[in-house]
Protein backbone atom coordinates (compact mmCIF):
# COMPACT_ATOMS: atom_id res chain seq x y z
CA MET A 1 -29.35 37.37 -21.74
CA ARG A 2 -29.14 40.73 -19.90
CA LYS A 3 -28.03 43.90 -21.62
CA GLU A 4 -27.12 42.29 -24.40
CA VAL A 5 -27.91 44.18 -27.86
CA ARG A 6 -28.53 42.21 -31.02
CA VAL A 7 -25.94 41.72 -34.15
CA ASP A 8 -25.59 40.39 -36.86
CA THR A 9 -24.18 37.23 -36.32
CA PRO A 10 -25.58 34.00 -35.97
CA LEU A 11 -24.48 33.69 -32.63
CA SER A 12 -26.26 36.57 -31.24
CA ALA A 13 -29.75 35.45 -33.37
CA ASN A 14 -29.77 32.25 -31.95
CA LYS A 15 -29.77 34.35 -28.39
CA PHE A 16 -32.75 36.15 -29.38
CA ALA A 17 -34.68 34.34 -31.21
CA LEU A 18 -34.07 31.39 -28.12
CA LYS A 19 -35.46 34.19 -25.72
CA GLU A 20 -38.32 35.01 -28.50
CA TYR A 21 -39.38 31.53 -28.19
CA VAL A 22 -38.84 30.67 -24.49
CA ASN A 23 -41.30 33.99 -23.39
CA SER A 24 -43.98 32.74 -25.95
CA PHE A 25 -44.87 30.11 -23.33
CA SER A 26 -46.37 31.16 -19.77
CA GLN A 27 -44.11 29.14 -17.91
CA GLY A 28 -41.41 30.52 -19.37
CA LYS A 29 -42.15 33.83 -18.55
CA GLU A 30 -42.63 32.89 -15.21
CA ALA A 31 -38.73 31.68 -14.88
CA VAL A 32 -37.75 34.13 -16.03
CA LYS A 33 -39.37 36.54 -13.57
CA HIS A 34 -37.89 34.20 -10.68
CA HIS A 35 -34.87 34.33 -11.97
CA LYS A 36 -35.19 38.33 -11.98
CA ALA A 37 -36.71 38.62 -8.83
CA LYS A 38 -33.53 36.12 -7.29
CA LYS A 39 -30.91 37.75 -8.99
CA GLU A 40 -32.08 41.05 -7.40
CA LYS A 41 -32.26 39.34 -3.69
CA MET A 42 -29.43 38.71 -3.86
CA PRO A 43 -26.34 41.20 -1.82
CA THR A 44 -24.07 43.14 -4.33
CA PRO A 45 -20.09 43.17 -3.67
CA THR A 46 -19.35 46.18 -1.01
CA ALA A 47 -16.05 47.49 -0.76
CA SER A 48 -15.54 45.45 2.44
CA THR A 49 -15.85 42.49 0.58
CA PRO A 50 -11.81 41.82 0.33
CA THR A 51 -10.36 41.78 -3.61
CA THR A 52 -6.94 40.64 -3.48
CA LYS A 53 -5.03 38.70 -2.38
CA ALA A 54 -3.52 39.96 0.25
CA GLU A 55 -6.70 41.03 1.87
CA LEU A 56 -7.97 37.31 1.40
CA PHE A 57 -4.58 35.92 3.04
CA SER A 58 -5.29 37.62 6.05
CA MET A 59 -8.46 36.94 6.75
CA MET A 60 -7.46 33.53 6.07
CA PRO A 61 -5.46 31.33 9.63
CA ALA A 62 -1.81 31.13 9.13
CA ASP A 63 -1.04 27.64 8.37
CA LEU A 64 -3.88 27.41 5.57
CA ALA A 65 -2.70 31.14 3.97
CA CYS A 66 1.17 29.42 3.78
CA LYS A 67 0.16 25.87 2.47
CA GLN A 68 -2.02 28.41 -0.66
CA LEU A 69 0.91 30.83 -1.22
CA ARG A 70 3.32 27.30 -1.62
CA GLU A 71 0.50 25.99 -3.58
CA GLN A 72 0.40 28.70 -6.11
CA SER A 73 4.36 29.20 -5.97
CA ALA A 74 4.59 25.51 -7.44
CA ARG A 75 2.12 25.97 -10.11
CA LEU A 76 4.02 28.97 -11.26
CA ARG A 77 7.72 27.32 -11.42
CA PRO A 78 8.37 26.04 -14.37
CA LEU A 79 8.89 22.73 -14.89
CA ARG A 80 12.14 20.90 -16.13
CA PRO A 81 11.73 18.05 -17.63
CA ASN A 82 13.76 15.09 -16.71
CA LEU A 83 15.90 13.77 -19.67
CA ALA A 84 17.05 10.34 -18.03
CA GLN A 85 13.60 9.42 -17.90
CA ALA A 86 12.59 10.38 -20.82
CA LYS A 87 11.17 7.66 -23.25
CA PHE A 88 11.88 8.82 -26.92
CA SER A 89 9.56 9.29 -29.46
CA PRO A 90 9.89 6.78 -31.95
CA ARG A 91 8.01 9.67 -34.90
CA LYS A 92 12.01 11.06 -33.85
CA GLU A 93 13.14 7.26 -34.78
CA MET A 94 12.11 7.50 -38.46
CA SER A 95 13.16 8.14 -41.62
CA ASP A 96 12.68 11.18 -43.61
CA ASP A 97 10.72 9.23 -46.41
CA VAL A 98 8.32 8.27 -43.62
CA LEU A 99 7.88 11.71 -42.10
CA VAL A 100 7.38 12.95 -45.55
CA TRP A 101 4.50 10.27 -46.03
CA GLU A 102 3.07 11.55 -43.18
CA ILE A 103 2.75 14.47 -44.09
CA GLU A 104 1.36 14.19 -47.42
CA GLN A 105 -1.43 12.41 -46.17
CA MET A 106 -2.30 14.61 -42.99
CA GLU A 107 -2.79 17.81 -45.82
CA ALA A 108 -4.71 14.96 -47.89
CA ALA A 109 -6.99 15.08 -45.00
CA ARG A 110 -7.10 18.07 -44.65
CA LYS A 111 -7.96 19.24 -48.20
CA ASP A 112 -10.72 16.44 -47.68
CA TYR A 113 -12.41 19.19 -45.23
């Protein structure tokens, strides 16, 4: 909980209660100090750190960059279903009465909650 402000939500109340509980023990205080010291020792990102994809790819070997680009473009392509291999759901073959009965069962179960 770095610079978090307490608000009137259950999550915020739980976070601050946990923080107070942890800090009530000497081991908890030591752990928090150790974590803060560790965070302070970590180098902060500088402007020389590549931030765009182009900068990152320019630092990679060419073969690895091409492989990454292929994988990314494959992930972005929309999937086309192969209807020849598609298995039709038994739900599509159910009668209207069966479907209405299933919907009534789901609505009844939802009302129970």
